Amino acid sequence: MKVGKLDTELLQKIVFQHITCRREEVLVRPGVGEDCAVVDFGNDACILSTDPITGTAKEVGRLAVHISCNDVASNGVEPLGLMLTIMAPEGTTAAEIEEIMRQAGKEAAKLNVEIIGGHTEITTAVNRIVVSSTAIGRQVKNKVVSTKGARVADCVLMTKTAGLEGTAIIAHEHENRLKAYMGEEMVEQAKGMMDKISVVPEGVIGGEMGVSSMHDITEGGVLGAVWEMCEASKVGVVLYKERIKIAPETVKICRFFNIDPLRLISSGCMLMTIGWEKVDGLVQSLTEKGIEVSVIGEIIREGRYLVEGNQKIEIMPPESDELYKVV
């Protein structure tokens, strides 16, 4: 199989079909585009999400906090707790483990999230450090936002710039090569994009403003996330390429490695759908908090398309992320 998360067809064939037990307390179960489970706790719902960091050997403690907290935020709720599992290969030093926890503790504190448990182990089962995180949030049950809520005629918005996380990872991993190509200043700016990978602020705002759906943009990039959102909601979409913002640093890096910024991992970017009558209010609320946002398309009944000039290109299901092509 290819490196990266399983494609949709394989996920349904060899994973989902074997999940047969159903509890009445579970409100949202595993599905394409659904990154969180939602469990009924009476008046409130418990929101849970889990993810590993495998695409980079650097900044893993930092990324591990945000990857799961971002998923919880896409349900319109602030995460409150986090559990971390660290699996490290033989030869890993105590200083390396401590650095991961230093990063994780610092980022969790910024989000007002408590690290409430986990597991740390040295093992021959991995050849580099893998960190898996599980985030937990709480929301009033009838206010939970899901990926599958997009409605025909909704406006599609995206925060920040495409390929954000991938740009930062590549800049950290290939710093010296890139400095010779694009200069030290631009490489440092690209590395600094790691500071923008939380979508908790926009997730909370989206929940307050009544978005119909949200999905944080991770593996598969903007196009992958849009396809997943539409698949979960059973709708189509028209995106306009010229409206999707891409930072100059991302453009440069993607040209250097010949990869597509619209299919590059983009934690830090949030997809939102909302009725047109609420768009201005949402944009204003995000802008007032210093969050860049763009209107990039519209939900339609069927068909998933990217419009570029006079071309209308079908958006295909996500495959292995562009990050894995970088060597």
C-alpha atoms as a PDB file:
ATOM      1  CA  MET A   1       0.000   0.000   0.000  1.00  0.00           C
ATOM      2  CA  LYS A   2       1.026   3.630  -0.508  1.00  0.00           C
ATOM      3  CA  VAL A   3       2.533   5.721   2.284  1.00  0.00           C
ATOM      4  CA  GLY A   4      -0.060   7.893   4.039  1.00  0.00           C
ATOM      5  CA  LYS A   5      -3.555   7.414   5.379  1.00  0.00           C
ATOM      6  CA  LEU A   6      -5.711   4.772   3.719  1.00  0.00           C
ATOM      7  CA  ASP A   7      -7.800   5.917   0.773  1.00  0.00           C
ATOM      8  CA  THR A   8     -11.565   6.082   1.145  1.00  0.00           C
ATOM      9  CA  GLU A   9     -12.354   2.839  -0.655  1.00  0.00           C
ATOM     10  CA  LEU A  10      -9.840   0.808   1.343  1.00  0.00           C
ATOM     11  CA  LEU A  11     -10.873   2.442   4.608  1.00  0.00           C
ATOM     12  CA  GLN A  12     -14.473   1.388   4.084  1.00  0.00           C
ATOM     13  CA  LYS A  13     -13.536  -2.099   2.857  1.00  0.00           C
ATOM     14  CA  ILE A  14     -11.050  -3.246   5.492  1.00  0.00           C
ATOM     15  CA  VAL A  15     -11.697  -0.968   8.489  1.00  0.00           C
ATOM     16  CA  PHE A  16     -15.242   0.363   8.789  1.00  0.00           C
ATOM     17  CA  GLN A  17     -17.019  -2.870   7.878  1.00  0.00           C
ATOM     18  CA  HIS A  18     -15.534  -4.622  10.911  1.00  0.00           C
ATOM     19  CA  ILE A  19     -16.906  -2.069  13.388  1.00  0.00           C
ATOM     20  CA  THR A  20     -20.171  -3.831  14.139  1.00  0.00           C
ATOM     21  CA  CYS A  21     -21.047  -3.018  17.756  1.00  0.00           C
ATOM     22  CA  ARG A  22     -23.335   0.015  18.080  1.00  0.00           C
ATOM     23  CA  ARG A  23     -24.027   1.887  21.317  1.00  0.00           C
ATOM     24  CA  GLU A  24     -26.991   4.244  21.579  1.00  0.00           C
ATOM     25  CA  GLU A  25     -24.802   6.803  23.388  1.00  0.00           C
ATOM     26  CA  VAL A  26     -22.618   7.273  20.294  1.00  0.00           C
ATOM     27  CA  LEU A  27     -23.947  10.180  18.228  1.00  0.00           C
ATOM     28  CA  VAL A  28     -21.208  10.411  15.580  1.00  0.00           C
ATOM     29  CA  ARG A  29     -19.324   7.305  14.439  1.00  0.00           C
ATOM     30  CA  PRO A  30     -16.355   6.701  12.116  1.00  0.00           C
ATOM     31  CA  GLY A  31     -16.963   7.869   8.563  1.00  0.00           C
ATOM     32  CA  VAL A  32     -15.273   9.531   5.591  1.00  0.00           C
ATOM     33  CA  GLY A  33     -14.414  13.097   6.572  1.00  0.00           C
ATOM     34  CA  GLU A  34     -15.465  12.632  10.202  1.00  0.00           C
ATOM     35  CA  ASP A  35     -12.425  13.209  12.396  1.00  0.00           C
ATOM     36  CA  CYS A  36     -14.237  13.151  15.742  1.00  0.00           C
ATOM     37  CA  ALA A  37     -16.445  10.797  17.692  1.00  0.00           C
ATOM     38  CA  VAL A  38     -19.341  12.373  19.584  1.00  0.00           C
ATOM     39  CA  VAL A  39     -20.763  10.650  22.662  1.00  0.00           C
ATOM     40  CA  ASP A  40     -24.009  11.549  24.427  1.00  0.00           C
ATOM     41  CA  PHE A  41     -23.403  12.651  28.035  1.00  0.00           C
ATOM     42  CA  GLY A  42     -26.899  13.912  28.822  1.00  0.00           C
ATOM     43  CA  ASN A  43     -27.217  17.641  28.139  1.00  0.00           C
ATOM     44  CA  ASP A  44     -23.623  17.711  26.908  1.00  0.00           C
ATOM     45  CA  ALA A  45     -21.704  15.745  24.323  1.00  0.00           C
ATOM     46  CA  CYS A  46     -18.123  14.502  24.674  1.00  0.00           C
ATOM     47  CA  ILE A  47     -16.028  15.169  21.558  1.00  0.00           C
ATOM     48  CA  LEU A  48     -12.980  12.935  20.978  1.00  0.00           C
ATOM     49  CA  SER A  49     -10.326  12.756  18.276  1.00  0.00           C
ATOM     50  CA  THR A  50      -7.044  10.877  17.916  1.00  0.00           C
ATOM     51  CA  ASP A  51      -4.161  11.198  15.441  1.00  0.00           C
ATOM     52  CA  PRO A  52      -0.446  10.373  15.136  1.00  0.00           C
ATOM     53  CA  ILE A  53       2.418  12.517  13.901  1.00  0.00           C
ATOM     54  CA  THR A  54       4.360  10.473  11.338  1.00  0.00           C
ATOM     55  CA  GLY A  55       5.254  12.886   8.521  1.00  0.00           C
ATOM     56  CA  THR A  56       8.153  14.620  10.267  1.00  0.00           C
ATOM     57  CA  ALA A  57      10.852  13.966  12.849  1.00  0.00           C
ATOM     58  CA  LYS A  58      10.959  17.601  13.997  1.00  0.00           C
ATOM     59  CA  GLU A  59       8.531  19.656  16.091  1.00  0.00           C
ATOM     60  CA  VAL A  60       6.568  16.467  16.870  1.00  0.00           C
ATOM     61  CA  GLY A  61       5.569  17.515  20.374  1.00  0.00           C
ATOM     62  CA  ARG A  62       4.183  20.767  19.062  1.00  0.00           C
ATOM     63  CA  LEU A  63       2.338  19.183  16.153  1.00  0.00           C
ATOM     64  CA  ALA A  64       0.885  16.387  18.285  1.00  0.00           C
ATOM     65  CA  VAL A  65      -0.984  18.894  20.418  1.00  0.00           C
ATOM     66  CA  HIS A  66      -2.499  20.769  17.506  1.00  0.00           C
ATOM     67  CA  ILE A  67      -3.436  17.875  15.221  1.00  0.00           C
ATOM     68  CA  SER A  68      -6.048  16.450  17.607  1.00  0.00           C
ATOM     69  CA  CYS A  69      -7.104  19.746  19.186  1.00  0.00           C
ATOM     70  CA  ASN A  70      -7.816  21.069  15.692  1.00  0.00           C
ATOM     71  CA  ASP A  71     -10.138  18.132  15.029  1.00  0.00           C
ATOM     72  CA  VAL A  72     -12.096  18.846  18.207  1.00  0.00           C
ATOM     73  CA  ALA A  73     -12.271  22.531  17.247  1.00  0.00           C
ATOM     74  CA  SER A  74     -13.831  21.572  13.902  1.00  0.00           C
ATOM     75  CA  ASN A  75     -16.880  20.536  15.942  1.00  0.00           C
ATOM     76  CA  GLY A  76     -17.188  24.107  17.179  1.00  0.00           C
ATOM     77  CA  VAL A  77     -15.804  23.447  20.637  1.00  0.00           C
ATOM     78  CA  GLU A  78     -12.689  24.308  22.638  1.00  0.00           C
ATOM     79  CA  PRO A  79     -10.611  21.228  23.595  1.00  0.00           C
ATOM     80  CA  LEU A  80     -10.010  20.786  27.319  1.00  0.00           C
ATOM     81  CA  GLY A  81      -7.846  17.670  27.715  1.00  0.00           C
ATOM     82  CA  LEU A  82      -5.163  15.781  25.821  1.00  0.00           C
ATOM     83  CA  MET A  83      -3.579  12.325  26.116  1.00  0.00           C
ATOM     84  CA  LEU A  84      -0.187  11.643  24.496  1.00  0.00           C
ATOM     85  CA  THR A  85       1.492   8.368  23.546  1.00  0.00           C
ATOM     86  CA  ILE A  86       5.197   8.529  22.673  1.00  0.00           C
ATOM     87  CA  MET A  87       6.814   5.546  20.932  1.00  0.00           C
ATOM     88  CA  ALA A  88      10.549   6.047  20.499  1.00  0.00           C
ATOM     89  CA  PRO A  89      13.231   3.810  18.929  1.00  0.00           C
ATOM     90  CA  GLU A  90      16.244   2.372  20.717  1.00  0.00           C
ATOM     91  CA  GLY A  91      18.926   4.983  21.155  1.00  0.00           C
ATOM     92  CA  THR A  92      16.499   7.818  21.867  1.00  0.00           C
ATOM     93  CA  THR A  93      17.883  10.057  24.611  1.00  0.00           C
ATOM     94  CA  ALA A  94      16.149  11.402  27.676  1.00  0.00           C
ATOM     95  CA  ALA A  95      16.811  14.884  26.303  1.00  0.00           C
ATOM     96  CA  GLU A  96      14.857  14.082  23.132  1.00  0.00           C
ATOM     97  CA  ILE A  97      11.850  12.850  25.105  1.00  0.00           C
ATOM     98  CA  GLU A  98      12.047  15.898  27.346  1.00  0.00           C
ATOM     99  CA  GLU A  99      12.116  18.206  24.305  1.00  0.00           C
ATOM    100  CA  ILE A 100       8.928  16.608  22.964  1.00  0.00           C
ATOM    101  CA  MET A 101       7.211  17.176  26.283  1.00  0.00           C
ATOM    102  CA  ARG A 102       8.571  20.711  26.542  1.00  0.00           C
ATOM    103  CA  GLN A 103       7.022  21.504  23.164  1.00  0.00           C
ATOM    104  CA  ALA A 104       3.759  19.737  24.007  1.00  0.00           C
ATOM    105  CA  GLY A 105       3.449  21.395  27.401  1.00  0.00           C
ATOM    106  CA  LYS A 106       4.073  24.848  25.954  1.00  0.00           C
ATOM    107  CA  GLU A 107       1.541  24.470  23.121  1.00  0.00           C
ATOM    108  CA  ALA A 108      -1.097  22.891  25.370  1.00  0.00           C
ATOM    109  CA  ALA A 109      -0.761  25.796  27.815  1.00  0.00           C
ATOM    110  CA  LYS A 110      -1.320  28.276  24.981  1.00  0.00           C
ATOM    111  CA  LEU A 111      -4.609  26.533  24.199  1.00  0.00           C
ATOM    112  CA  ASN A 112      -5.619  26.165  27.862  1.00  0.00           C
ATOM    113  CA  VAL A 113      -5.618  22.381  27.375  1.00  0.00           C
ATOM    114  CA  GLU A 114      -4.423  20.035  30.137  1.00  0.00           C
ATOM    115  CA  ILE A 115      -2.324  16.974  29.297  1.00  0.00           C
ATOM    116  CA  ILE A 116      -4.253  14.438  31.362  1.00  0.00           C
ATOM    117  CA  GLY A 117      -2.470  11.170  30.599  1.00  0.00           C
ATOM    118  CA  GLY A 118      -0.718   8.961  28.072  1.00  0.00           C
ATOM    119  CA  HIS A 119       2.136   6.499  27.670  1.00  0.00           C
ATOM    120  CA  THR A 120       5.872   6.722  26.913  1.00  0.00           C
ATOM    121  CA  GLU A 121       7.914   3.769  25.645  1.00  0.00           C
ATOM    122  CA  ILE A 122      11.214   2.876  23.984  1.00  0.00           C
ATOM    123  CA  THR A 123      10.574   0.135  21.423  1.00  0.00           C
ATOM    124  CA  THR A 124      12.123  -1.655  18.442  1.00  0.00           C
ATOM    125  CA  ALA A 125       8.728  -1.428  16.692  1.00  0.00           C
ATOM    126  CA  VAL A 126       9.522   2.053  15.304  1.00  0.00           C
ATOM    127  CA  ASN A 127      12.557   3.504  13.529  1.00  0.00           C
ATOM    128  CA  ARG A 128      11.875   7.105  14.587  1.00  0.00           C
ATOM    129  CA  ILE A 129       9.789   8.825  17.223  1.00  0.00           C
ATOM    130  CA  VAL A 130       6.021   8.568  16.736  1.00  0.00           C
ATOM    131  CA  VAL A 131       3.659  10.631  18.876  1.00  0.00           C
ATOM    132  CA  SER A 132      -0.076   9.945  18.951  1.00  0.00           C
ATOM    133  CA  SER A 133      -2.498  12.319  20.645  1.00  0.00           C
ATOM    134  CA  THR A 134      -6.120  12.105  21.729  1.00  0.00           C
ATOM    135  CA  ALA A 135      -8.023  15.322  22.439  1.00  0.00           C
ATOM    136  CA  ILE A 136     -11.237  15.665  24.410  1.00  0.00           C
ATOM    137  CA  GLY A 137     -13.803  18.452  24.377  1.00  0.00           C
ATOM    138  CA  ARG A 138     -17.276  19.130  25.725  1.00  0.00           C
ATOM    139  CA  GLN A 139     -20.164  20.861  23.986  1.00  0.00           C
ATOM    140  CA  VAL A 140     -23.871  21.373  24.552  1.00  0.00           C
ATOM    141  CA  LYS A 141     -25.352  18.486  22.586  1.00  0.00           C
ATOM    142  CA  ASN A 142     -27.513  20.494  20.189  1.00  0.00           C
ATOM    143  CA  LYS A 143     -24.652  22.842  19.275  1.00  0.00           C
ATOM    144  CA  VAL A 144     -22.179  20.244  17.986  1.00  0.00           C
ATOM    145  CA  VAL A 145     -20.967  20.990  14.444  1.00  0.00           C
ATOM    146  CA  SER A 146     -20.019  18.086  12.164  1.00  0.00           C
ATOM    147  CA  THR A 147     -18.342  17.607   8.797  1.00  0.00           C
ATOM    148  CA  LYS A 148     -21.553  16.216   7.280  1.00  0.00           C
ATOM    149  CA  GLY A 149     -23.649  19.371   7.755  1.00  0.00           C
ATOM    150  CA  ALA A 150     -22.843  21.193   4.484  1.00  0.00           C
ATOM    151  CA  ARG A 151     -25.998  22.232   2.606  1.00  0.00           C
ATOM    152  CA  VAL A 152     -26.698  23.058  -1.025  1.00  0.00           C
ATOM    153  CA  ALA A 153     -26.176  26.811  -1.693  1.00  0.00           C
ATOM    154  CA  ASP A 154     -23.892  27.218   1.351  1.00  0.00           C
ATOM    155  CA  CYS A 155     -20.826  29.383   0.915  1.00  0.00           C
ATOM    156  CA  VAL A 156     -17.416  27.665   1.343  1.00  0.00           C
ATOM    157  CA  LEU A 157     -14.732  29.554   3.286  1.00  0.00           C
ATOM    158  CA  MET A 158     -11.110  28.740   4.113  1.00  0.00           C
ATOM    159  CA  THR A 159      -8.943  30.313   6.806  1.00  0.00           C
ATOM    160  CA  LYS A 160      -5.260  31.229   6.307  1.00  0.00           C
ATOM    161  CA  THR A 161      -3.276  29.838   3.340  1.00  0.00           C
ATOM    162  CA  ALA A 162      -3.146  26.448   1.589  1.00  0.00           C
ATOM    163  CA  GLY A 163      -0.307  24.065   2.433  1.00  0.00           C
ATOM    164  CA  LEU A 164       0.500  25.870   5.671  1.00  0.00           C
ATOM    165  CA  GLU A 165       1.660  22.935   7.799  1.00  0.00           C
ATOM    166  CA  GLY A 166       3.406  21.176   4.920  1.00  0.00           C
ATOM    167  CA  THR A 167       5.351  24.335   4.140  1.00  0.00           C
ATOM    168  CA  ALA A 168       6.582  24.598   7.734  1.00  0.00           C
ATOM    169  CA  ILE A 169       7.509  20.897   7.930  1.00  0.00           C
ATOM    170  CA  ILE A 170       9.445  20.947   4.652  1.00  0.00           C
ATOM    171  CA  ALA A 171      11.252  24.152   5.643  1.00  0.00           C
ATOM    172  CA  HIS A 172      12.360  22.534   8.924  1.00  0.00           C
ATOM    173  CA  GLU A 173      13.347  19.216   7.309  1.00  0.00           C
ATOM    174  CA  HIS A 174      15.171  20.667   4.269  1.00  0.00           C
ATOM    175  CA  GLU A 175      16.359  23.992   5.634  1.00  0.00           C
ATOM    176  CA  ASN A 176      19.844  24.012   4.135  1.00  0.00           C
ATOM    177  CA  ARG A 177      18.773  22.962   0.638  1.00  0.00           C
ATOM    178  CA  LEU A 178      16.038  25.576   0.550  1.00  0.00           C
ATOM    179  CA  LYS A 179      18.246  28.441   1.778  1.00  0.00           C
ATOM    180  CA  ALA A 180      20.356  28.119  -1.351  1.00  0.00           C
ATOM    181  CA  TYR A 181      17.210  28.308  -3.501  1.00  0.00           C
ATOM    182  CA  MET A 182      15.008  30.915  -1.828  1.00  0.00           C
ATOM    183  CA  GLY A 183      17.211  32.665   0.699  1.00  0.00           C
ATOM    184  CA  GLU A 184      17.523  32.452   4.468  1.00  0.00           C
ATOM    185  CA  GLU A 185      14.845  35.053   5.225  1.00  0.00           C
ATOM    186  CA  MET A 186      12.120  33.294   3.246  1.00  0.00           C
ATOM    187  CA  VAL A 187      13.054  29.906   4.729  1.00  0.00           C
ATOM    188  CA  GLU A 188      12.757  31.359   8.238  1.00  0.00           C
ATOM    189  CA  GLN A 189       9.355  32.788   7.315  1.00  0.00           C
ATOM    190  CA  ALA A 190       8.300  29.342   6.065  1.00  0.00           C
ATOM    191  CA  LYS A 191       9.491  27.703   9.302  1.00  0.00           C
ATOM    192  CA  GLY A 192       7.569  30.349  11.234  1.00  0.00           C
ATOM    193  CA  MET A 193       4.313  29.186   9.661  1.00  0.00           C
ATOM    194  CA  MET A 194       4.387  26.459  12.316  1.00  0.00           C
ATOM    195  CA  ASP A 195       3.120  29.159  14.699  1.00  0.00           C
ATOM    196  CA  LYS A 196      -0.169  29.318  12.770  1.00  0.00           C
ATOM    197  CA  ILE A 197      -1.229  25.664  12.848  1.00  0.00           C
ATOM    198  CA  SER A 198      -3.954  25.949  15.485  1.00  0.00           C
ATOM    199  CA  VAL A 199      -7.546  26.302  14.258  1.00  0.00           C
ATOM    200  CA  VAL A 200      -9.061  26.349  17.747  1.00  0.00           C
ATOM    201  CA  PRO A 201      -9.874  30.105  17.602  1.00  0.00           C
ATOM    202  CA  GLU A 202     -11.700  29.880  14.266  1.00  0.00           C
ATOM    203  CA  GLY A 203     -13.388  26.633  15.269  1.00  0.00           C
ATOM    204  CA  VAL A 204     -14.910  28.252  18.339  1.00  0.00           C
ATOM    205  CA  ILE A 205     -15.961  31.326  16.328  1.00  0.00           C
ATOM    206  CA  GLY A 206     -17.483  29.122  13.624  1.00  0.00           C
ATOM    207  CA  GLY A 207     -19.517  27.265  16.224  1.00  0.00           C
ATOM    208  CA  GLU A 208     -20.754  30.539  17.729  1.00  0.00           C
ATOM    209  CA  MET A 209     -21.673  31.986  14.307  1.00  0.00           C
ATOM    210  CA  GLY A 210     -23.756  28.993  13.226  1.00  0.00           C
ATOM    211  CA  VAL A 211     -21.688  27.359  10.503  1.00  0.00           C
ATOM    212  CA  SER A 212     -23.332  24.302   8.946  1.00  0.00           C
ATOM    213  CA  SER A 213     -20.094  22.288   8.816  1.00  0.00           C
ATOM    214  CA  MET A 214     -16.357  22.528   9.464  1.00  0.00           C
ATOM    215  CA  HIS A 215     -13.369  20.371   8.562  1.00  0.00           C
ATOM    216  CA  ASP A 216      -9.735  21.115   9.398  1.00  0.00           C
ATOM    217  CA  ILE A 217      -7.453  20.637   6.409  1.00  0.00           C
ATOM    218  CA  THR A 218      -4.893  17.911   7.103  1.00  0.00           C
ATOM    219  CA  GLU A 219      -3.517  15.102   4.883  1.00  0.00           C
ATOM    220  CA  GLY A 220      -4.639  15.529   1.291  1.00  0.00           C
ATOM    221  CA  GLY A 221      -4.658  19.323   1.530  1.00  0.00           C
ATOM    222  CA  VAL A 222      -7.449  21.685   0.513  1.00  0.00           C
ATOM    223  CA  LEU A 223      -8.785  19.516  -2.296  1.00  0.00           C
ATOM    224  CA  GLY A 224      -8.729  16.375  -0.169  1.00  0.00           C
ATOM    225  CA  ALA A 225     -10.547  18.093   2.698  1.00  0.00           C
ATOM    226  CA  VAL A 226     -13.183  19.578   0.408  1.00  0.00           C
ATOM    227  CA  TRP A 227     -13.809  16.179  -1.167  1.00  0.00           C
ATOM    228  CA  GLU A 228     -14.136  14.566   2.272  1.00  0.00           C
ATOM    229  CA  MET A 229     -16.550  17.252   3.467  1.00  0.00           C
ATOM    230  CA  CYS A 230     -18.708  16.808   0.379  1.00  0.00           C
ATOM    231  CA  GLU A 231     -18.600  13.019   0.678  1.00  0.00           C
ATOM    232  CA  ALA A 232     -19.714  13.192   4.308  1.00  0.00           C
ATOM    233  CA  SER A 233     -22.491  15.672   3.463  1.00  0.00           C
ATOM    234  CA  LYS A 234     -23.553  13.951   0.207  1.00  0.00           C
ATOM    235  CA  VAL A 235     -23.252  17.187  -1.786  1.00  0.00           C
ATOM    236  CA  GLY A 236     -21.138  18.706  -4.560  1.00  0.00           C
ATOM    237  CA  VAL A 237     -18.972  21.811  -4.708  1.00  0.00           C
ATOM    238  CA  VAL A 238     -17.501  24.418  -7.029  1.00  0.00           C
ATOM    239  CA  LEU A 239     -14.171  25.906  -5.917  1.00  0.00           C
ATOM    240  CA  TYR A 240     -12.418  28.806  -7.631  1.00  0.00           C
ATOM    241  CA  LYS A 241      -8.649  28.325  -7.703  1.00  0.00           C
ATOM    242  CA  GLU A 242      -7.833  32.035  -7.896  1.00  0.00           C
ATOM    243  CA  ARG A 243      -9.666  32.584  -4.574  1.00  0.00           C
ATOM    244  CA  ILE A 244      -7.595  29.995  -2.677  1.00  0.00           C
ATOM    245  CA  LYS A 245      -4.767  31.900  -1.028  1.00  0.00           C
ATOM    246  CA  ILE A 246      -1.266  30.410  -1.160  1.00  0.00           C
ATOM    247  CA  ALA A 247       1.636  32.080   0.646  1.00  0.00           C
ATOM    248  CA  PRO A 248       4.717  33.025  -1.436  1.00  0.00           C
ATOM    249  CA  GLU A 249       6.848  30.680   0.714  1.00  0.00           C
ATOM    250  CA  THR A 250       4.534  27.785  -0.126  1.00  0.00           C
ATOM    251  CA  VAL A 251       4.608  28.605  -3.837  1.00  0.00           C
ATOM    252  CA  LYS A 252       8.418  28.599  -3.825  1.00  0.00           C
ATOM    253  CA  ILE A 253       8.766  25.367  -1.864  1.00  0.00           C
ATOM    254  CA  CYS A 254       6.178  23.537  -3.946  1.00  0.00           C
ATOM    255  CA  ARG A 255       7.903  24.596  -7.169  1.00  0.00           C
ATOM    256  CA  PHE A 256      11.254  23.424  -5.828  1.00  0.00           C
ATOM    257  CA  PHE A 257       9.923  19.954  -4.996  1.00  0.00           C
ATOM    258  CA  ASN A 258       7.388  19.841  -7.868  1.00  0.00           C
ATOM    259  CA  ILE A 259       4.389  19.231  -5.596  1.00  0.00           C
ATOM    260  CA  ASP A 260       0.817  20.564  -5.565  1.00  0.00           C
ATOM    261  CA  PRO A 261       0.108  23.086  -2.762  1.00  0.00           C
ATOM    262  CA  LEU A 262      -3.619  22.276  -2.937  1.00  0.00           C
ATOM    263  CA  ARG A 263      -2.912  18.656  -1.977  1.00  0.00           C
ATOM    264  CA  LEU A 264      -0.318  19.437   0.698  1.00  0.00           C
ATOM    265  CA  ILE A 265      -1.076  18.865   4.393  1.00  0.00           C
ATOM    266  CA  SER A 266      -2.545  22.102   5.747  1.00  0.00           C
ATOM    267  CA  SER A 267      -3.204  21.947   9.491  1.00  0.00           C
ATOM    268  CA  GLY A 268      -3.899  25.517  10.532  1.00  0.00           C
ATOM    269  CA  CYS A 269      -6.477  25.991   7.795  1.00  0.00           C
ATOM    270  CA  MET A 270     -10.177  25.441   8.471  1.00  0.00           C
ATOM    271  CA  LEU A 271     -12.902  24.769   5.912  1.00  0.00           C
ATOM    272  CA  MET A 272     -16.286  26.201   6.831  1.00  0.00           C
ATOM    273  CA  THR A 273     -19.682  26.190   5.159  1.00  0.00           C
ATOM    274  CA  ILE A 274     -22.401  28.657   6.062  1.00  0.00           C
ATOM    275  CA  GLY A 275     -25.504  30.234   4.531  1.00  0.00           C
ATOM    276  CA  TRP A 276     -24.791  33.321   2.429  1.00  0.00           C
ATOM    277  CA  GLU A 277     -26.884  35.479   4.763  1.00  0.00           C
ATOM    278  CA  LYS A 278     -24.359  34.795   7.568  1.00  0.00           C
ATOM    279  CA  VAL A 279     -21.142  35.095   5.554  1.00  0.00           C
ATOM    280  CA  ASP A 280     -20.422  38.763   6.269  1.00  0.00           C
ATOM    281  CA  GLY A 281     -20.876  38.297  10.005  1.00  0.00           C
ATOM    282  CA  LEU A 282     -18.549  35.270  10.055  1.00  0.00           C
ATOM    283  CA  VAL A 283     -15.881  37.031   7.997  1.00  0.00           C
ATOM    284  CA  GLN A 284     -16.063  40.076  10.265  1.00  0.00           C
ATOM    285  CA  SER A 285     -15.764  37.978  13.435  1.00  0.00           C
ATOM    286  CA  LEU A 286     -12.743  36.093  12.104  1.00  0.00           C
ATOM    287  CA  THR A 287     -11.056  39.235  10.779  1.00  0.00           C
ATOM    288  CA  GLU A 288     -11.510  41.030  14.106  1.00  0.00           C
ATOM    289  CA  LYS A 289      -9.533  38.202  15.734  1.00  0.00           C
ATOM    290  CA  GLY A 290      -6.760  38.558  13.168  1.00  0.00           C
ATOM    291  CA  ILE A 291      -7.693  35.353  11.292  1.00  0.00           C
ATOM    292  CA  GLU A 292      -7.331  35.582   7.526  1.00  0.00           C
ATOM    293  CA  VAL A 293     -10.300  34.092   5.673  1.00  0.00           C
ATOM    294  CA  SER A 294     -11.353  33.725   2.034  1.00  0.00           C
ATOM    295  CA  VAL A 295     -14.600  32.790   0.306  1.00  0.00           C
ATOM    296  CA  ILE A 296     -13.447  30.046  -2.080  1.00  0.00           C
ATOM    297  CA  GLY A 297     -16.595  28.430  -3.457  1.00  0.00           C
ATOM    298  CA  GLU A 298     -20.160  27.226  -3.092  1.00  0.00           C
ATOM    299  CA  ILE A 299     -21.886  23.952  -2.240  1.00  0.00           C
ATOM    300  CA  ILE A 300     -23.955  22.532  -5.118  1.00  0.00           C
ATOM    301  CA  ARG A 301     -26.207  19.498  -5.438  1.00  0.00           C
ATOM    302  CA  GLU A 302     -23.777  17.199  -7.253  1.00  0.00           C
ATOM    303  CA  GLY A 303     -20.364  17.191  -8.920  1.00  0.00           C
ATOM    304  CA  ARG A 304     -17.110  18.381  -7.310  1.00  0.00           C
ATOM    305  CA  TYR A 305     -15.122  20.835  -9.394  1.00  0.00           C
ATOM    306  CA  LEU A 306     -12.142  23.177  -9.286  1.00  0.00           C
ATOM    307  CA  VAL A 307     -12.519  26.083 -11.698  1.00  0.00           C
ATOM    308  CA  GLU A 308      -9.257  27.445 -13.105  1.00  0.00           C
ATOM    309  CA  GLY A 309      -9.739  30.083 -15.771  1.00  0.00           C
ATOM    310  CA  ASN A 310     -11.995  28.502 -18.409  1.00  0.00           C
ATOM    311  CA  GLN A 311     -11.298  24.970 -17.168  1.00  0.00           C
ATOM    312  CA  LYS A 312     -13.572  22.984 -14.876  1.00  0.00           C
ATOM    313  CA  ILE A 313     -11.537  20.161 -13.310  1.00  0.00           C
ATOM    314  CA  GLU A 314     -13.130  17.321 -11.357  1.00  0.00           C
ATOM    315  CA  ILE A 315     -11.882  17.048  -7.762  1.00  0.00           C
ATOM    316  CA  MET A 316     -10.860  13.454  -7.140  1.00  0.00           C
ATOM    317  CA  PRO A 317     -10.739  11.548  -3.822  1.00  0.00           C
ATOM    318  CA  PRO A 318      -7.599  12.233  -1.739  1.00  0.00           C
ATOM    319  CA  GLU A 319      -4.541  10.049  -2.224  1.00  0.00           C
ATOM    320  CA  SER A 320      -1.169  10.047  -0.490  1.00  0.00           C
ATOM    321  CA  ASP A 321      -0.266  13.553   0.677  1.00  0.00           C
ATOM    322  CA  GLU A 322       2.220  15.575  -1.374  1.00  0.00           C
ATOM    323  CA  LEU A 323       4.458  15.754   1.704  1.00  0.00           C
ATOM    324  CA  TYR A 324       5.467  12.129   1.175  1.00  0.00           C
ATOM    325  CA  LYS A 325       6.849  12.971  -2.287  1.00  0.00           C
ATOM    326  CA  VAL A 326       9.472  15.273  -0.796  1.00  0.00           C
ATOM    327  CA  VAL A 327      12.867  13.572  -0.563  1.00  0.00           C
END
